[in-house]
Amino acid sequence: MASLFGARDVVISCFSMRRYAIVAGALFMDAKLHFQVSTEREGVMAEMASTAACSSVTFGDADVEEILYSEQAIHERVAQIGQQITEDYRDVAYEETPHGDPAILMVSVLRGAAIYMSDLARQIDLPFEMDYMAVSSYGTGTKSSGVVRILKDLTSNIEGRHVIIAEDIVDSGLTLKYLLRVLESRNPASITIAALLKKQNPEQAEIDCKYVGFECPDAFIVGYGLDYAERYRNLPYIGILKPEVYQGK
């Protein structure tokens, strides 16, 4: 009888050991699988980070000496200007005009101000019309020649309307001063300038800009619509172009 009980104990012990072995094996496989998944996840995350780092490099970055205003800073400042225009023009936005057009007309000076005005327009909570002019005095150089040509005129009648000129940058001010004279001769109700940038240029013509996004240094500025020889307009930020780029060194 004793040997019978001993045999039973041996059988039970074998079953217990087998069960423990199965459990241990399952735990080992689970830990191995968890390690593999964690390793693969880390690899994917590292690859995503590398891809993001590469995609953050924009064409033209290497030619920029210094970033003055980031994409986020520009967005916030343009939103502030739009909100201020909304408040300032709320009382006149619904005035009757001689030709039944919206009382407010926003004018973009192509090509540099196109991006700025499209962003600014979405921040103004009032009815208005948009129109465009193309005025040139630069060519492919870095300084205004002072000789202004209208390449494209407005299609809208501005008589009796409140005109807001969305200007990308006030540099010498010669082009803008000429443009103001032309538009004032067409009898608008008012003309206001909303400039994204105003250079700290001691020789700048005296121009009253009611709205100014940033006062920038007297350097060659590119990005966010601003160009050199039609390049760098698509940079999401605004920065200073390296002198060797436009000096040909």
Protein backbone atom coordinates (compact mmCIF):
# COMPACT_ATOMS: atom_id res chain seq x y z
CA MET A 1 0.00 0.00 0.00
CA ALA A 2 2.83 2.37 0.86
CA SER A 3 4.39 1.79 -2.53
CA LEU A 4 1.07 2.58 -4.16
CA PHE A 5 0.88 5.94 -2.40
CA GLY A 6 4.52 6.58 -3.30
CA ALA A 7 3.80 5.96 -6.95
CA ARG A 8 0.83 8.31 -6.81
CA ASP A 9 3.01 11.03 -5.30
CA VAL A 10 5.54 10.57 -8.07
CA VAL A 11 2.83 10.89 -10.74
CA ILE A 12 1.40 14.00 -9.09
CA SER A 13 4.89 15.46 -8.80
CA CYS A 14 5.53 14.80 -12.50
CA PHE A 15 2.26 16.45 -13.49
CA SER A 16 3.09 19.47 -11.27
CA MET A 17 6.54 19.81 -12.77
CA ARG A 18 5.09 19.53 -16.27
CA ARG A 19 2.49 22.20 -15.45
CA TYR A 20 5.15 24.50 -14.02
CA ALA A 21 7.29 23.93 -17.11
CA ILE A 22 4.37 24.85 -19.38
CA VAL A 23 3.63 27.99 -17.35
CA ALA A 24 7.30 28.97 -17.30
CA GLY A 25 7.55 28.41 -21.03
CA ALA A 26 4.48 30.55 -21.64
CA LEU A 27 5.88 33.30 -19.46
CA PHE A 28 9.19 33.13 -21.31
CA MET A 29 7.48 33.35 -24.71
CA ASP A 30 5.35 36.27 -23.51
CA ALA A 31 8.43 38.13 -22.26
CA LYS A 32 10.27 37.41 -25.52
CA LEU A 33 7.30 38.64 -27.56
CA HIS A 34 7.04 41.77 -25.39
CA PHE A 35 10.75 42.45 -25.90
CA GLN A 36 10.43 42.02 -29.67
CA VAL A 37 7.40 44.33 -29.83
CA SER A 38 9.15 46.95 -27.68
CA THR A 39 12.27 46.75 -29.83
CA GLU A 40 10.25 47.06 -33.04
CA ARG A 41 8.26 49.98 -31.59
CA GLU A 42 11.48 51.76 -30.62
CA GLY A 43 12.81 51.18 -34.13
CA VAL A 44 9.65 52.59 -35.72
CA MET A 45 9.71 55.62 -33.41
CA ALA A 46 13.37 56.25 -34.22
CA GLU A 47 12.62 56.00 -37.95
CA MET A 48 9.67 58.39 -37.59
CA ALA A 49 11.85 60.86 -35.67
CA SER A 50 14.52 60.64 -38.36
CA THR A 51 11.94 61.17 -41.10
CA ALA A 52 10.45 64.16 -39.26
CA ALA A 53 13.90 65.66 -38.80
CA CYS A 54 14.60 65.29 -42.51
CA SER A 55 11.21 66.66 -43.54
CA SER A 56 11.71 69.72 -41.33
CA VAL A 57 14.56 70.86 -43.57
CA THR A 58 13.12 73.30 -46.11
CA PHE A 59 14.55 74.27 -49.46
CA GLY A 60 16.56 77.44 -48.97
CA ASP A 61 17.38 76.88 -45.29
CA ALA A 62 21.09 76.71 -46.08
CA ASP A 63 20.97 80.19 -47.65
CA VAL A 64 19.41 81.84 -44.60
CA GLU A 65 21.79 83.50 -42.18
CA GLU A 66 19.30 84.03 -39.36
CA ILE A 67 15.61 83.31 -38.74
CA LEU A 68 13.91 86.47 -37.51
CA TYR A 69 10.30 85.33 -37.12
CA SER A 70 9.15 81.74 -36.86
CA GLU A 71 6.08 80.32 -38.57
CA GLN A 72 4.22 80.35 -35.24
CA ALA A 73 5.21 83.95 -34.46
CA ILE A 74 4.00 85.10 -37.89
CA HIS A 75 0.69 83.28 -37.49
CA GLU A 76 0.06 84.85 -34.09
CA ARG A 77 0.96 88.36 -35.23
CA VAL A 78 -1.16 88.17 -38.40
CA ALA A 79 -4.10 86.98 -36.27
CA GLN A 80 -3.66 89.99 -33.98
CA ILE A 81 -3.64 92.40 -36.94
CA GLY A 82 -6.78 90.77 -38.35
CA GLN A 83 -8.58 91.06 -35.03
CA GLN A 84 -7.60 94.72 -34.74
CA ILE A 85 -8.83 95.48 -38.26
CA THR A 86 -12.12 93.76 -37.42
CA GLU A 87 -12.59 96.02 -34.42
CA ASP A 88 -11.53 99.20 -36.22
CA TYR A 89 -13.71 98.68 -39.30
CA ARG A 90 -16.80 97.15 -37.70
CA ASP A 91 -18.77 100.42 -37.88
CA VAL A 92 -18.02 101.12 -41.56
CA ALA A 93 -18.10 97.61 -42.99
CA TYR A 94 -21.78 97.82 -43.92
CA GLU A 95 -21.82 101.34 -45.33
CA GLU A 96 -23.42 101.86 -48.73
CA THR A 97 -21.03 102.53 -51.59
CA PRO A 98 -21.60 104.35 -54.91
CA HIS A 99 -21.58 101.11 -56.91
CA GLY A 100 -23.06 98.72 -54.37
CA ASP A 101 -19.76 96.97 -53.67
CA PRO A 102 -18.60 95.92 -50.19
CA ALA A 103 -17.43 98.95 -48.26
CA ILE A 104 -14.03 97.40 -47.51
CA LEU A 105 -11.58 96.54 -50.26
CA MET A 106 -8.38 94.70 -49.40
CA VAL A 107 -5.58 95.20 -51.90
CA SER A 108 -2.58 92.91 -52.17
CA VAL A 109 0.59 94.12 -53.84
CA LEU A 110 1.80 91.12 -55.85
CA ARG A 111 3.68 89.01 -55.63
CA GLY A 112 5.22 89.25 -52.19
CA ALA A 113 2.08 90.11 -50.23
CA ALA A 114 -0.16 87.39 -51.66
CA ILE A 115 0.59 84.86 -48.90
CA TYR A 116 0.31 87.50 -46.19
CA MET A 117 -3.05 88.81 -47.43
CA SER A 118 -4.55 85.35 -47.78
CA ASP A 119 -3.70 84.63 -44.14
CA LEU A 120 -4.76 88.07 -42.97
CA ALA A 121 -8.10 87.87 -44.80
CA ARG A 122 -9.05 84.75 -42.85
CA GLN A 123 -8.54 86.62 -39.59
CA ILE A 124 -10.95 89.48 -40.45
CA ASP A 125 -14.53 88.82 -39.41
CA LEU A 126 -16.20 91.33 -41.73
CA PRO A 127 -17.46 91.41 -45.34
CA PHE A 128 -14.90 92.70 -47.83
CA GLU A 129 -13.65 92.32 -51.37
CA MET A 130 -10.12 91.36 -52.39
CA ASP A 131 -8.22 92.74 -55.37
CA TYR A 132 -4.64 92.72 -56.58
CA MET A 133 -2.03 95.02 -58.06
CA ALA A 134 1.40 94.23 -59.40
CA VAL A 135 3.89 97.06 -59.01
CA SER A 136 7.58 96.73 -59.78
CA SER A 137 10.67 98.73 -58.93
CA TYR A 138 13.12 95.95 -58.03
CA GLY A 139 13.60 93.67 -61.02
CA THR A 140 16.08 91.06 -59.79
CA GLY A 141 18.15 93.49 -57.72
CA THR A 142 18.25 94.12 -53.99
CA LYS A 143 17.43 97.83 -53.87
CA SER A 144 14.42 99.75 -55.13
CA SER A 145 15.23 101.69 -58.28
CA GLY A 146 12.63 104.36 -57.52
CA VAL A 147 11.21 103.92 -61.01
CA VAL A 148 7.78 102.37 -60.48
CA ARG A 149 5.75 100.53 -63.07
CA ILE A 150 2.19 99.24 -62.64
CA LEU A 151 2.22 95.76 -64.15
CA LYS A 152 -1.34 94.94 -63.13
CA ASP A 153 -3.98 97.44 -62.04
CA LEU A 154 -7.04 96.89 -59.87
CA THR A 155 -10.19 95.56 -61.50
CA SER A 156 -12.37 97.10 -58.76
CA ASN A 157 -13.68 100.63 -58.51
CA ILE A 158 -12.43 102.07 -55.20
CA GLU A 159 -14.47 105.29 -55.17
CA GLY A 160 -16.13 105.81 -51.80
CA ARG A 161 -14.66 102.61 -50.35
CA HIS A 162 -12.30 101.88 -47.47
CA VAL A 163 -9.11 100.48 -48.95
CA ILE A 164 -6.72 98.38 -46.87
CA ILE A 165 -3.37 97.77 -48.55
CA ALA A 166 -1.79 94.51 -47.39
CA GLU A 167 1.93 95.15 -47.92
CA ASP A 168 4.56 92.53 -47.28
CA ILE A 169 7.43 94.89 -46.42
CA VAL A 170 8.05 98.62 -46.32
CA ASP A 171 11.68 99.04 -47.38
CA SER A 172 12.59 102.36 -48.98
CA GLY A 173 8.88 103.19 -49.15
CA LEU A 174 9.24 104.65 -52.66
CA THR A 175 7.02 102.07 -54.34
CA LEU A 176 4.34 102.31 -51.68
CA LYS A 177 4.38 106.11 -51.73
CA TYR A 178 3.80 106.07 -55.49
CA LEU A 179 1.01 103.53 -55.09
CA LEU A 180 -0.71 105.70 -52.47
CA ARG A 181 -0.71 108.70 -54.82
CA VAL A 182 -2.27 106.62 -57.58
CA LEU A 183 -5.02 105.21 -55.36
CA GLU A 184 -5.80 108.51 -53.62
CA SER A 185 -6.53 110.06 -57.01
CA ARG A 186 -9.41 107.59 -57.38
CA ASN A 187 -11.37 109.08 -54.44
CA PRO A 188 -11.59 106.26 -51.91
CA ALA A 189 -13.29 106.91 -48.57
CA SER A 190 -10.01 106.02 -46.84
CA ILE A 191 -6.72 104.22 -47.40
CA THR A 192 -4.93 102.28 -44.68
CA ILE A 193 -1.73 100.28 -44.81
CA ALA A 194 -1.37 96.95 -43.04
CA ALA A 195 2.31 96.08 -43.43
CA LEU A 196 3.67 92.80 -42.22
CA LEU A 197 7.21 94.17 -41.98
CA LYS A 198 8.67 97.64 -41.73
CA LYS A 199 12.41 97.94 -42.13
CA GLN A 200 14.48 100.06 -39.79
CA ASN A 201 15.75 102.05 -42.74
CA PRO A 202 16.94 105.63 -41.96
CA GLU A 203 16.34 106.65 -45.59
CA GLN A 204 12.79 105.31 -45.68
CA ALA A 205 10.11 107.60 -47.11
CA GLU A 206 7.67 108.96 -44.55
CA ILE A 207 4.60 106.71 -44.72
CA ASP A 208 1.89 106.24 -42.11
CA CYS A 209 1.37 102.50 -41.56
CA LYS A 210 -1.53 102.00 -39.18
CA TYR A 211 -0.82 98.29 -38.77
CA VAL A 212 2.70 96.88 -38.60
CA GLY A 213 3.49 93.26 -37.86
CA PHE A 214 7.19 93.53 -37.08
CA GLU A 215 9.94 96.14 -37.18
CA CYS A 216 12.78 94.30 -38.91
CA PRO A 217 16.47 95.10 -39.39
CA ASP A 218 17.73 96.77 -42.55
CA ALA A 219 18.91 93.54 -44.18
CA PHE A 220 17.85 91.43 -47.14
CA ILE A 221 14.76 89.59 -45.93
CA VAL A 222 13.24 86.45 -47.48
CA GLY A 223 10.50 83.95 -46.71
CA TYR A 224 6.71 83.98 -46.27
CA GLY A 225 6.23 85.53 -49.72
CA LEU A 226 9.40 87.61 -49.80
CA ASP A 227 11.95 86.62 -52.40
CA TYR A 228 15.30 87.13 -53.99
CA ALA A 229 15.15 86.62 -57.79
CA GLU A 230 11.85 84.73 -57.33
CA ARG A 231 13.30 82.23 -54.83
CA TYR A 232 12.61 81.62 -51.12
CA ARG A 233 8.96 82.79 -51.20
CA ASN A 234 7.85 79.40 -49.90
CA LEU A 235 9.92 79.45 -46.72
CA PRO A 236 7.45 79.21 -43.80
CA TYR A 237 9.45 81.67 -41.69
CA ILE A 238 11.07 85.08 -42.30
CA GLY A 239 14.83 85.34 -42.20
CA ILE A 240 17.92 87.20 -43.35
CA LEU A 241 19.49 86.00 -46.59
CA LYS A 242 23.21 85.34 -46.55
CA PRO A 243 25.05 88.18 -48.37
CA GLU A 244 27.06 85.77 -50.51
CA VAL A 245 23.82 84.57 -52.12
CA TYR A 246 22.96 87.94 -53.68
CA GLN A 247 26.51 89.28 -53.93
CA GLY A 248 27.54 86.34 -56.09
CA LYS A 249 30.49 85.30 -53.94
